[in-house]
C-alpha atoms as a PDB file:
ATOM      1  CA  MET A   1      -6.516 -12.096  12.912  1.00  0.00           C
ATOM      2  CA  THR A   2     -10.054 -11.895  14.668  1.00  0.00           C
ATOM      3  CA  GLU A   3     -12.982  -9.957  13.641  1.00  0.00           C
ATOM      4  CA  SER A   4     -16.179  -8.796  15.504  1.00  0.00           C
ATOM      5  CA  SER A   5     -19.092  -6.775  14.110  1.00  0.00           C
ATOM      6  CA  ASP A   6     -19.263  -3.146  14.809  1.00  0.00           C
ATOM      7  CA  GLN A   7     -22.730  -3.024  16.410  1.00  0.00           C
ATOM      8  CA  THR A   8     -22.616   1.142  15.738  1.00  0.00           C
ATOM      9  CA  ASN A   9     -22.126   0.535  12.170  1.00  0.00           C
ATOM     10  CA  PRO A  10     -23.064  -2.639  10.316  1.00  0.00           C
ATOM     11  CA  GLY A  11     -20.896  -2.058   7.360  1.00  0.00           C
ATOM     12  CA  ARG A  12     -17.626  -2.094   9.433  1.00  0.00           C
ATOM     13  CA  THR A  13     -15.745  -4.878  11.150  1.00  0.00           C
ATOM     14  CA  VAL A  14     -13.445  -4.161  13.831  1.00  0.00           C
ATOM     15  CA  VAL A  15     -10.393  -6.132  13.112  1.00  0.00           C
ATOM     16  CA  THR A  16      -7.323  -7.103  15.552  1.00  0.00           C
ATOM     17  CA  GLN A  17      -3.807  -7.043  14.465  1.00  0.00           C
ATOM     18  CA  MET A  18      -2.832  -9.882  11.837  1.00  0.00           C
ATOM     19  CA  SER A  19      -1.453 -12.752  13.522  1.00  0.00           C
ATOM     20  CA  ALA A  20       0.752 -14.351  10.796  1.00  0.00           C
ATOM     21  CA  VAL A  21       4.431 -14.158  11.780  1.00  0.00           C
ATOM     22  CA  TYR A  22       7.209 -14.661   9.084  1.00  0.00           C
ATOM     23  CA  PRO A  23      10.512 -14.821  11.213  1.00  0.00           C
ATOM     24  CA  GLU A  24      12.537 -14.463   8.166  1.00  0.00           C
ATOM     25  CA  LEU A  25      11.660 -10.692   7.674  1.00  0.00           C
ATOM     26  CA  ALA A  26      13.049  -9.662  10.972  1.00  0.00           C
ATOM     27  CA  GLY A  27      16.089  -7.312  10.067  1.00  0.00           C
ATOM     28  CA  LYS A  28      15.187  -6.607   6.542  1.00  0.00           C
ATOM     29  CA  VAL A  29      14.491  -2.994   5.411  1.00  0.00           C
ATOM     30  CA  ALA A  30      11.380  -1.868   3.539  1.00  0.00           C
ATOM     31  CA  VAL A  31      10.560   1.545   1.757  1.00  0.00           C
ATOM     32  CA  VAL A  32       7.053   2.619   1.958  1.00  0.00           C
ATOM     33  CA  THR A  33       5.448   5.423   0.379  1.00  0.00           C
ATOM     34  CA  GLY A  34       2.063   7.179   1.425  1.00  0.00           C
ATOM     35  CA  ALA A  35       3.137   6.052   4.932  1.00  0.00           C
ATOM     36  CA  ALA A  36       1.811   9.145   7.093  1.00  0.00           C
ATOM     37  CA  GLN A  37      -1.834   7.816   7.227  1.00  0.00           C
ATOM     38  CA  GLY A  38      -4.447   5.394   6.382  1.00  0.00           C
ATOM     39  CA  MET A  39      -2.962   1.604   4.745  1.00  0.00           C
ATOM     40  CA  GLY A  40       0.573   2.954   4.344  1.00  0.00           C
ATOM     41  CA  ALA A  41       0.999   3.851   8.126  1.00  0.00           C
ATOM     42  CA  THR A  42      -0.630   0.264   8.758  1.00  0.00           C
ATOM     43  CA  PHE A  43       2.016  -1.216   6.719  1.00  0.00           C
ATOM     44  CA  ALA A  44       4.588   0.476   8.442  1.00  0.00           C
ATOM     45  CA  GLU A  45       3.570  -0.318  11.911  1.00  0.00           C
ATOM     46  CA  GLY A  46       2.856  -3.760  10.958  1.00  0.00           C
ATOM     47  CA  LEU A  47       6.446  -4.567   9.383  1.00  0.00           C
ATOM     48  CA  ALA A  48       8.043  -2.636  12.181  1.00  0.00           C
ATOM     49  CA  THR A  49       6.206  -4.837  14.648  1.00  0.00           C
ATOM     50  CA  ARG A  50       7.772  -7.972  12.880  1.00  0.00           C
ATOM     51  CA  GLY A  51      11.318  -6.441  13.139  1.00  0.00           C
ATOM     52  CA  VAL A  52      11.305  -4.975   9.849  1.00  0.00           C
ATOM     53  CA  HIS A  53      13.105  -1.556   9.737  1.00  0.00           C
ATOM     54  CA  VAL A  54      11.023   1.032   7.526  1.00  0.00           C
ATOM     55  CA  VAL A  55      11.531   4.388   5.692  1.00  0.00           C
ATOM     56  CA  GLY A  56       8.067   5.550   5.940  1.00  0.00           C
ATOM     57  CA  ALA A  57       7.819   8.666   3.252  1.00  0.00           C
ATOM     58  CA  ASP A  58       4.848  11.108   2.566  1.00  0.00           C
ATOM     59  CA  ILE A  59       4.295  14.547   0.736  1.00  0.00           C
ATOM     60  CA  ASN A  60       3.134  15.536   4.046  1.00  0.00           C
ATOM     61  CA  GLU A  61       6.393  15.672   6.034  1.00  0.00           C
ATOM     62  CA  GLU A  62       5.077  16.791   9.215  1.00  0.00           C
ATOM     63  CA  GLN A  63       2.288  14.099   9.302  1.00  0.00           C
ATOM     64  CA  MET A  64       4.996  11.312   8.531  1.00  0.00           C
ATOM     65  CA  LEU A  65       7.484  12.311  11.116  1.00  0.00           C
ATOM     66  CA  ALA A  66       4.532  12.236  13.689  1.00  0.00           C
ATOM     67  CA  THR A  67       3.464   9.020  12.505  1.00  0.00           C
ATOM     68  CA  ALA A  68       7.063   7.410  12.636  1.00  0.00           C
ATOM     69  CA  ALA A  69       7.395   9.007  16.288  1.00  0.00           C
ATOM     70  CA  ARG A  70       4.030   7.492  17.241  1.00  0.00           C
ATOM     71  CA  ILE A  71       4.830   4.072  15.894  1.00  0.00           C
ATOM     72  CA  ASN A  72       8.380   3.905  17.301  1.00  0.00           C
ATOM     73  CA  THR A  73       6.746   4.870  20.781  1.00  0.00           C
ATOM     74  CA  ASP A  74       3.935   2.360  20.709  1.00  0.00           C
ATOM     75  CA  LEU A  75       6.571  -0.466  19.739  1.00  0.00           C
ATOM     76  CA  GLU A  76       8.760   0.345  22.576  1.00  0.00           C
ATOM     77  CA  SER A  77       5.680  -0.463  25.067  1.00  0.00           C
ATOM     78  CA  ASN A  78       4.400  -3.280  22.858  1.00  0.00           C
ATOM     79  CA  ALA A  79       4.974  -6.419  24.716  1.00  0.00           C
ATOM     80  CA  LEU A  80       4.066  -8.566  21.695  1.00  0.00           C
ATOM     81  CA  ALA A  81       6.971  -6.912  19.482  1.00  0.00           C
ATOM     82  CA  ASP A  82       9.754  -8.938  20.245  1.00  0.00           C
ATOM     83  CA  LYS A  83      12.743  -6.929  18.875  1.00  0.00           C
ATOM     84  CA  PRO A  84      10.804  -4.431  16.859  1.00  0.00           C
ATOM     85  CA  GLY A  85      12.086  -2.654  13.791  1.00  0.00           C
ATOM     86  CA  ARG A  86      12.666   1.185  13.810  1.00  0.00           C
ATOM     87  CA  VAL A  87      10.576   3.672  11.587  1.00  0.00           C
ATOM     88  CA  VAL A  88      12.379   6.532   9.823  1.00  0.00           C
ATOM     89  CA  GLY A  89      10.076   9.271   8.321  1.00  0.00           C
ATOM     90  CA  ALA A  90      10.760  11.200   5.493  1.00  0.00           C
ATOM     91  CA  ARG A  91       9.274  13.659   2.817  1.00  0.00           C
ATOM     92  CA  VAL A  92       8.913  12.384  -0.911  1.00  0.00           C
ATOM     93  CA  ASP A  93       7.165  13.561  -4.106  1.00  0.00           C
ATOM     94  CA  VAL A  94       6.785  10.392  -5.895  1.00  0.00           C
ATOM     95  CA  THR A  95       6.437  12.552  -9.095  1.00  0.00           C
ATOM     96  CA  LYS A  96      10.014  13.258  -8.878  1.00  0.00           C
ATOM     97  CA  PRO A  97      12.643  10.159  -9.610  1.00  0.00           C
ATOM     98  CA  ASP A  98      15.457  11.596  -7.769  1.00  0.00           C
ATOM     99  CA  GLU A  99      13.473  11.721  -4.673  1.00  0.00           C
ATOM    100  CA  HIS A 100      12.845   8.119  -4.778  1.00  0.00           C
ATOM    101  CA  GLU A 101      16.931   7.604  -4.942  1.00  0.00           C
ATOM    102  CA  LEU A 102      17.016   9.850  -1.877  1.00  0.00           C
ATOM    103  CA  LEU A 103      14.579   7.432  -0.096  1.00  0.00           C
ATOM    104  CA  ALA A 104      16.905   4.506  -0.986  1.00  0.00           C
ATOM    105  CA  GLN A 105      20.151   6.345  -0.007  1.00  0.00           C
ATOM    106  CA  LEU A 106      18.345   7.327   3.310  1.00  0.00           C
ATOM    107  CA  ALA A 107      17.487   3.612   3.824  1.00  0.00           C
ATOM    108  CA  LEU A 108      21.484   2.700   3.145  1.00  0.00           C
ATOM    109  CA  LYS A 109      22.376   5.163   5.643  1.00  0.00           C
ATOM    110  CA  GLU A 110      19.999   4.365   8.376  1.00  0.00           C
ATOM    111  CA  PHE A 111      19.970   0.463   7.974  1.00  0.00           C
ATOM    112  CA  GLY A 112      22.517  -0.548   5.448  1.00  0.00           C
ATOM    113  CA  ARG A 113      20.214  -2.249   3.172  1.00  0.00           C
ATOM    114  CA  VAL A 114      17.202  -2.126   1.033  1.00  0.00           C
ATOM    115  CA  ASP A 115      15.220  -5.434   0.637  1.00  0.00           C
ATOM    116  CA  PHE A 116      11.177  -4.055   0.042  1.00  0.00           C
ATOM    117  CA  TRP A 117       9.849  -1.484  -1.831  1.00  0.00           C
ATOM    118  CA  ILE A 118       6.028  -0.756  -1.281  1.00  0.00           C
ATOM    119  CA  ASN A 119       4.627   1.943  -3.732  1.00  0.00           C
ATOM    120  CA  ASN A 120       1.362   2.773  -1.646  1.00  0.00           C
ATOM    121  CA  ALA A 121       1.421   6.568  -2.402  1.00  0.00           C
ATOM    122  CA  GLY A 122      -1.867   7.823  -4.475  1.00  0.00           C
ATOM    123  CA  ILE A 123      -4.506  10.079  -5.196  1.00  0.00           C
ATOM    124  CA  PHE A 124      -8.205   9.680  -5.760  1.00  0.00           C
ATOM    125  CA  PRO A 125      -9.881  12.198  -7.938  1.00  0.00           C
ATOM    126  CA  PHE A 126     -13.621  12.788  -8.728  1.00  0.00           C
ATOM    127  CA  ALA A 127     -14.728  14.103 -12.058  1.00  0.00           C
ATOM    128  CA  LEU A 128     -17.159  13.066 -14.769  1.00  0.00           C
ATOM    129  CA  ALA A 129     -15.585  12.026 -17.924  1.00  0.00           C
ATOM    130  CA  GLU A 130     -16.777  15.152 -19.990  1.00  0.00           C
ATOM    131  CA  GLU A 131     -15.212  17.293 -17.037  1.00  0.00           C
ATOM    132  CA  ILE A 132     -11.658  15.687 -16.427  1.00  0.00           C
ATOM    133  CA  THR A 133      -9.450  18.381 -16.995  1.00  0.00           C
ATOM    134  CA  PRO A 134      -5.835  18.033 -18.489  1.00  0.00           C
ATOM    135  CA  GLU A 135      -4.304  19.127 -14.857  1.00  0.00           C
ATOM    136  CA  GLN A 136      -6.395  16.329 -13.051  1.00  0.00           C
ATOM    137  CA  ILE A 137      -5.598  13.479 -15.574  1.00  0.00           C
ATOM    138  CA  GLY A 138      -2.030  14.545 -15.464  1.00  0.00           C
ATOM    139  CA  ALA A 139      -1.418  14.666 -11.894  1.00  0.00           C
ATOM    140  CA  THR A 140      -3.443  11.294 -11.388  1.00  0.00           C
ATOM    141  CA  LEU A 141      -1.191   9.775 -13.675  1.00  0.00           C
ATOM    142  CA  SER A 142       1.750  11.525 -12.566  1.00  0.00           C
ATOM    143  CA  VAL A 143       1.164  10.365  -8.897  1.00  0.00           C
ATOM    144  CA  ASN A 144      -0.261   7.040  -9.191  1.00  0.00           C
ATOM    145  CA  VAL A 145       1.341   5.532 -12.402  1.00  0.00           C
ATOM    146  CA  GLU A 146       4.629   7.364 -12.685  1.00  0.00           C
ATOM    147  CA  GLY A 147       5.183   7.651  -8.854  1.00  0.00           C
ATOM    148  CA  VAL A 148       5.083   3.495  -8.984  1.00  0.00           C
ATOM    149  CA  LEU A 149       7.362   3.293 -11.857  1.00  0.00           C
ATOM    150  CA  TYR A 150      10.089   5.512 -10.335  1.00  0.00           C
ATOM    151  CA  GLY A 151       9.837   4.063  -7.322  1.00  0.00           C
ATOM    152  CA  ALA A 152      10.521   0.498  -8.842  1.00  0.00           C
ATOM    153  CA  GLN A 153      13.374   2.004 -10.782  1.00  0.00           C
ATOM    154  CA  ALA A 154      14.852   2.956  -7.691  1.00  0.00           C
ATOM    155  CA  ALA A 155      14.282  -0.160  -5.933  1.00  0.00           C
ATOM    156  CA  ALA A 156      15.692  -2.289  -8.753  1.00  0.00           C
ATOM    157  CA  ARG A 157      18.881  -0.299  -8.366  1.00  0.00           C
ATOM    158  CA  HIS A 158      19.443  -1.513  -4.619  1.00  0.00           C
ATOM    159  CA  LEU A 159      17.397  -4.466  -4.081  1.00  0.00           C
ATOM    160  CA  GLY A 160      19.153  -7.809  -4.577  1.00  0.00           C
ATOM    161  CA  PRO A 161      18.157 -11.335  -5.493  1.00  0.00           C
ATOM    162  CA  GLY A 162      15.005 -12.064  -3.226  1.00  0.00           C
ATOM    163  CA  GLY A 163      14.128  -8.664  -2.972  1.00  0.00           C
ATOM    164  CA  ALA A 164      10.182  -7.844  -3.414  1.00  0.00           C
ATOM    165  CA  ILE A 165       8.419  -4.799  -4.704  1.00  0.00           C
ATOM    166  CA  VAL A 166       4.579  -4.327  -4.030  1.00  0.00           C
ATOM    167  CA  ASN A 167       2.455  -1.803  -5.886  1.00  0.00           C
ATOM    168  CA  MET A 168      -0.906  -0.854  -4.913  1.00  0.00           C
ATOM    169  CA  SER A 169      -3.540  -1.230  -7.704  1.00  0.00           C
ATOM    170  CA  SER A 170      -7.174  -1.163  -6.948  1.00  0.00           C
ATOM    171  CA  VAL A 171     -10.253  -3.331  -7.971  1.00  0.00           C
ATOM    172  CA  SER A 172     -10.903  -0.101  -9.933  1.00  0.00           C
ATOM    173  CA  ALA A 173      -8.512  -1.420 -12.375  1.00  0.00           C
ATOM    174  CA  LEU A 174     -11.041  -4.090 -13.099  1.00  0.00           C
ATOM    175  CA  ARG A 175     -14.500  -2.377 -12.452  1.00  0.00           C
ATOM    176  CA  VAL A 176     -15.347   1.282 -13.200  1.00  0.00           C
ATOM    177  CA  ARG A 177     -17.474   3.833 -11.550  1.00  0.00           C
ATOM    178  CA  LYS A 178     -18.723   7.080 -12.591  1.00  0.00           C
ATOM    179  CA  GLY A 179     -16.618   9.904 -11.946  1.00  0.00           C
ATOM    180  CA  ARG A 180     -13.611   7.911 -11.376  1.00  0.00           C
ATOM    181  CA  GLY A 181     -12.139   7.642 -14.708  1.00  0.00           C
ATOM    182  CA  ALA A 182      -8.866   9.285 -14.194  1.00  0.00           C
ATOM    183  CA  TYR A 183      -8.473   6.971 -11.125  1.00  0.00           C
ATOM    184  CA  CYS A 184      -9.420   3.780 -12.827  1.00  0.00           C
ATOM    185  CA  THR A 185      -7.547   4.281 -15.861  1.00  0.00           C
ATOM    186  CA  SER A 186      -4.134   4.915 -13.492  1.00  0.00           C
ATOM    187  CA  LYS A 187      -5.032   1.731 -11.483  1.00  0.00           C
ATOM    188  CA  ALA A 188      -5.256  -0.306 -14.722  1.00  0.00           C
ATOM    189  CA  ALA A 189      -1.933   0.966 -15.849  1.00  0.00           C
ATOM    190  CA  VAL A 190      -0.434  -0.118 -12.431  1.00  0.00           C
ATOM    191  CA  ALA A 191      -1.714  -3.557 -12.702  1.00  0.00           C
ATOM    192  CA  HIS A 192      -0.271  -3.849 -16.189  1.00  0.00           C
ATOM    193  CA  LEU A 193       2.966  -2.197 -15.220  1.00  0.00           C
ATOM    194  CA  THR A 194       3.508  -4.742 -12.365  1.00  0.00           C
ATOM    195  CA  GLU A 195       3.442  -7.364 -14.802  1.00  0.00           C
ATOM    196  CA  SER A 196       5.806  -5.987 -16.957  1.00  0.00           C
ATOM    197  CA  LEU A 197       8.244  -5.133 -14.132  1.00  0.00           C
ATOM    198  CA  ALA A 198       8.053  -8.590 -12.867  1.00  0.00           C
ATOM    199  CA  VAL A 199       9.081  -9.946 -16.251  1.00  0.00           C
ATOM    200  CA  GLU A 200      12.135  -7.449 -16.393  1.00  0.00           C
ATOM    201  CA  PHE A 201      13.148  -7.540 -12.933  1.00  0.00           C
ATOM    202  CA  GLY A 202      13.132 -11.373 -12.648  1.00  0.00           C
ATOM    203  CA  ASP A 203      16.447 -11.232 -14.414  1.00  0.00           C
ATOM    204  CA  LYS A 204      17.653  -9.793 -11.005  1.00  0.00           C
ATOM    205  CA  GLY A 205      15.895 -12.062  -8.748  1.00  0.00           C
ATOM    206  CA  ILE A 206      13.454  -9.488  -7.737  1.00  0.00           C
ATOM    207  CA  ARG A 207       9.813 -10.209  -7.427  1.00  0.00           C
ATOM    208  CA  VAL A 208       7.102  -7.658  -8.298  1.00  0.00           C
ATOM    209  CA  ASN A 209       3.369  -8.228  -7.367  1.00  0.00           C
ATOM    210  CA  SER A 210       0.398  -5.868  -6.891  1.00  0.00           C
ATOM    211  CA  ILE A 211      -2.476  -5.818  -4.379  1.00  0.00           C
ATOM    212  CA  ALA A 212      -5.778  -4.609  -5.329  1.00  0.00           C
ATOM    213  CA  PRO A 213      -7.982  -3.374  -2.392  1.00  0.00           C
ATOM    214  CA  GLY A 214     -11.623  -2.772  -2.757  1.00  0.00           C
ATOM    215  CA  TYR A 215     -13.944  -0.684  -0.239  1.00  0.00           C
ATOM    216  CA  ILE A 216     -11.312  -0.347   2.617  1.00  0.00           C
ATOM    217  CA  ASP A 217     -12.117   1.765   5.999  1.00  0.00           C
ATOM    218  CA  THR A 218      -9.543   4.614   5.447  1.00  0.00           C
ATOM    219  CA  ALA A 219      -9.764   8.233   4.744  1.00  0.00           C
ATOM    220  CA  MET A 220      -9.844   7.538   1.011  1.00  0.00           C
ATOM    221  CA  THR A 221     -13.377   6.022   1.368  1.00  0.00           C
ATOM    222  CA  LYS A 222     -14.795   8.528   3.699  1.00  0.00           C
ATOM    223  CA  TRP A 223     -17.055  10.121   0.846  1.00  0.00           C
ATOM    224  CA  VAL A 224     -19.152   6.639   0.763  1.00  0.00           C
ATOM    225  CA  GLN A 225     -19.096   6.215   4.546  1.00  0.00           C
ATOM    226  CA  GLU A 226     -20.700   9.527   5.209  1.00  0.00           C
ATOM    227  CA  ASP A 227     -23.329   8.830   2.400  1.00  0.00           C
ATOM    228  CA  PRO A 228     -25.668   6.245   3.662  1.00  0.00           C
ATOM    229  CA  ILE A 229     -27.078   5.680   0.349  1.00  0.00           C
ATOM    230  CA  ALA A 230     -23.871   5.339  -1.270  1.00  0.00           C
ATOM    231  CA  LEU A 231     -22.737   3.092   1.346  1.00  0.00           C
ATOM    232  CA  ALA A 232     -25.720   0.683   1.131  1.00  0.00           C
ATOM    233  CA  SER A 233     -25.000   0.632  -2.726  1.00  0.00           C
ATOM    234  CA  ALA A 234     -21.297  -0.155  -2.110  1.00  0.00           C
ATOM    235  CA  LEU A 235     -21.907  -2.869   0.383  1.00  0.00           C
ATOM    236  CA  ASP A 236     -24.604  -4.243  -1.854  1.00  0.00           C
ATOM    237  CA  ALA A 237     -21.626  -4.802  -4.204  1.00  0.00           C
ATOM    238  CA  VAL A 238     -19.600  -6.765  -1.654  1.00  0.00           C
ATOM    239  CA  PRO A 239     -20.506 -10.396  -1.156  1.00  0.00           C
ATOM    240  CA  LEU A 240     -19.058 -10.184   2.441  1.00  0.00           C
ATOM    241  CA  HIS A 241     -21.221  -6.880   3.006  1.00  0.00           C
ATOM    242  CA  ARG A 242     -18.884  -4.893   4.910  1.00  0.00           C
ATOM    243  CA  LEU A 243     -15.691  -2.542   4.351  1.00  0.00           C
ATOM    244  CA  GLY A 244     -12.538  -4.039   4.739  1.00  0.00           C
ATOM    245  CA  SER A 245      -9.731  -2.898   7.206  1.00  0.00           C
ATOM    246  CA  PRO A 246      -6.028  -1.894   6.425  1.00  0.00           C
ATOM    247  CA  GLU A 247      -5.160  -4.693   8.751  1.00  0.00           C
ATOM    248  CA  GLU A 248      -6.725  -7.128   5.799  1.00  0.00           C
ATOM    249  CA  VAL A 249      -4.784  -5.489   3.190  1.00  0.00           C
ATOM    250  CA  PHE A 250      -1.637  -5.986   5.234  1.00  0.00           C
ATOM    251  CA  GLY A 251      -1.958  -9.660   5.518  1.00  0.00           C
ATOM    252  CA  PRO A 252      -1.460 -10.229   1.543  1.00  0.00           C
ATOM    253  CA  LEU A 253       1.179  -7.569   1.582  1.00  0.00           C
ATOM    254  CA  LEU A 254       3.088  -9.631   4.318  1.00  0.00           C
ATOM    255  CA  PHE A 255       2.770 -12.849   2.387  1.00  0.00           C
ATOM    256  CA  LEU A 256       3.811 -11.255  -0.514  1.00  0.00           C
ATOM    257  CA  LEU A 257       7.181  -9.917   1.200  1.00  0.00           C
ATOM    258  CA  SER A 258       7.973 -13.471   2.730  1.00  0.00           C
ATOM    259  CA  ASP A 259       9.540 -16.329   1.786  1.00  0.00           C
ATOM    260  CA  SER A 260       6.255 -18.320   1.300  1.00  0.00           C
ATOM    261  CA  ALA A 261       5.740 -16.137  -1.786  1.00  0.00           C
ATOM    262  CA  ARG A 262       9.286 -16.420  -3.336  1.00  0.00           C
ATOM    263  CA  TYR A 263       7.989 -18.000  -6.573  1.00  0.00           C
ATOM    264  CA  VAL A 264       5.086 -15.464  -7.072  1.00  0.00           C
ATOM    265  CA  THR A 265       5.833 -12.541  -9.049  1.00  0.00           C
ATOM    266  CA  GLY A 266       3.653 -10.453 -11.801  1.00  0.00           C
ATOM    267  CA  HIS A 267       0.612 -11.205  -9.915  1.00  0.00           C
ATOM    268  CA  SER A 268      -2.012  -8.893  -8.559  1.00  0.00           C
ATOM    269  CA  ILE A 269      -4.141 -10.071  -5.118  1.00  0.00           C
ATOM    270  CA  ALA A 270      -7.591  -8.790  -4.932  1.00  0.00           C
ATOM    271  CA  VAL A 271      -8.615  -7.610  -1.420  1.00  0.00           C
ATOM    272  CA  ASP A 272     -12.179  -6.698  -1.911  1.00  0.00           C
ATOM    273  CA  GLY A 273     -14.507  -9.006  -0.347  1.00  0.00           C
ATOM    274  CA  GLY A 274     -15.551 -10.608  -3.542  1.00  0.00           C
ATOM    275  CA  SER A 275     -16.759  -7.295  -5.142  1.00  0.00           C
ATOM    276  CA  ARG A 276     -14.901  -7.780  -8.435  1.00  0.00           C
ATOM    277  CA  HIS A 277     -17.141 -10.669  -9.215  1.00  0.00           C
ATOM    278  CA  VAL A 278     -20.504  -8.782  -8.556  1.00  0.00           C
END
C-alpha cells in the first residue's frame, strides 16, 4: 500500500490498493454483510481481487446487485487480479436470523462452501442521551448487535475448522461521543460478544475477531467531513491527523482471515490512527 496527501483536503489521504497477498485465500468463500457501499464494498472487492468468492449482502438489494456487477466487471479487466473471485449480490435484513441462513445456503449453492463471515452491516444513529427513543435504541441494538450474533450463528453452522468470523466494532466501544450513546453502547456489546463467540466457537476450530475502526472516509463520516469545525476537532484527536481509508481497514481484515492469524482469536484490532489513546 502507498499513500500520498490530498492537497485539496489535508485531512484526507489518497490510498492505493493494499499490496498484501495471502495465496491460501484463493478459492475460499466469504459472506460480507453491508456490502453495497463503503467499507463493505471495499471488503468484497478486495477479497475477490485475491481470488475469494464473495456473497455480498445488504438491505438495499438494488444497490447491492449494482455493486456486485461493477466489481465483477472491473475484475474482468483488472490485469492485477490473477484468477479473481466472483461476487454474488443478495438482499439481507440482518435483524432476521433466517435471512442469514439463506445467505449461507446461497454461498453453498453458488460456490459449494463457506469459509469466512464478515459481519459488517450497521447503523449510526444520533440522539442526545435524554432524547434516545425506545425505537432508536431498539433498532440500533437489533442491527448492530443482534445482526452480528445471528450472522455468527449461521456461520458457525457451516464453517469448518480454520474458518474465521470478523465482526465490525468501533473505537466508539472505548471512547464515547455526545449524541452517540446508542451507537457506542452497541459497539461495546459487539466487542464483548466477539470475545464470547471466540471462546465458544474455538471448540469448532473457528476463530472470531473484530475490527474497531476510527474516523474512516466513508458515507458514515460525511457528517464530520462536511463540518470544518467538527473535522478539525476530530483530526486533533487522531495522532496521525487524517481520516483513514476503507483500504486501511481491509488490510487488518485480510490478515485476520489469513493463515498468518491462525492462532489469533477473541481480539479487537483498532484501526483508528491512534485516536483511542488521546
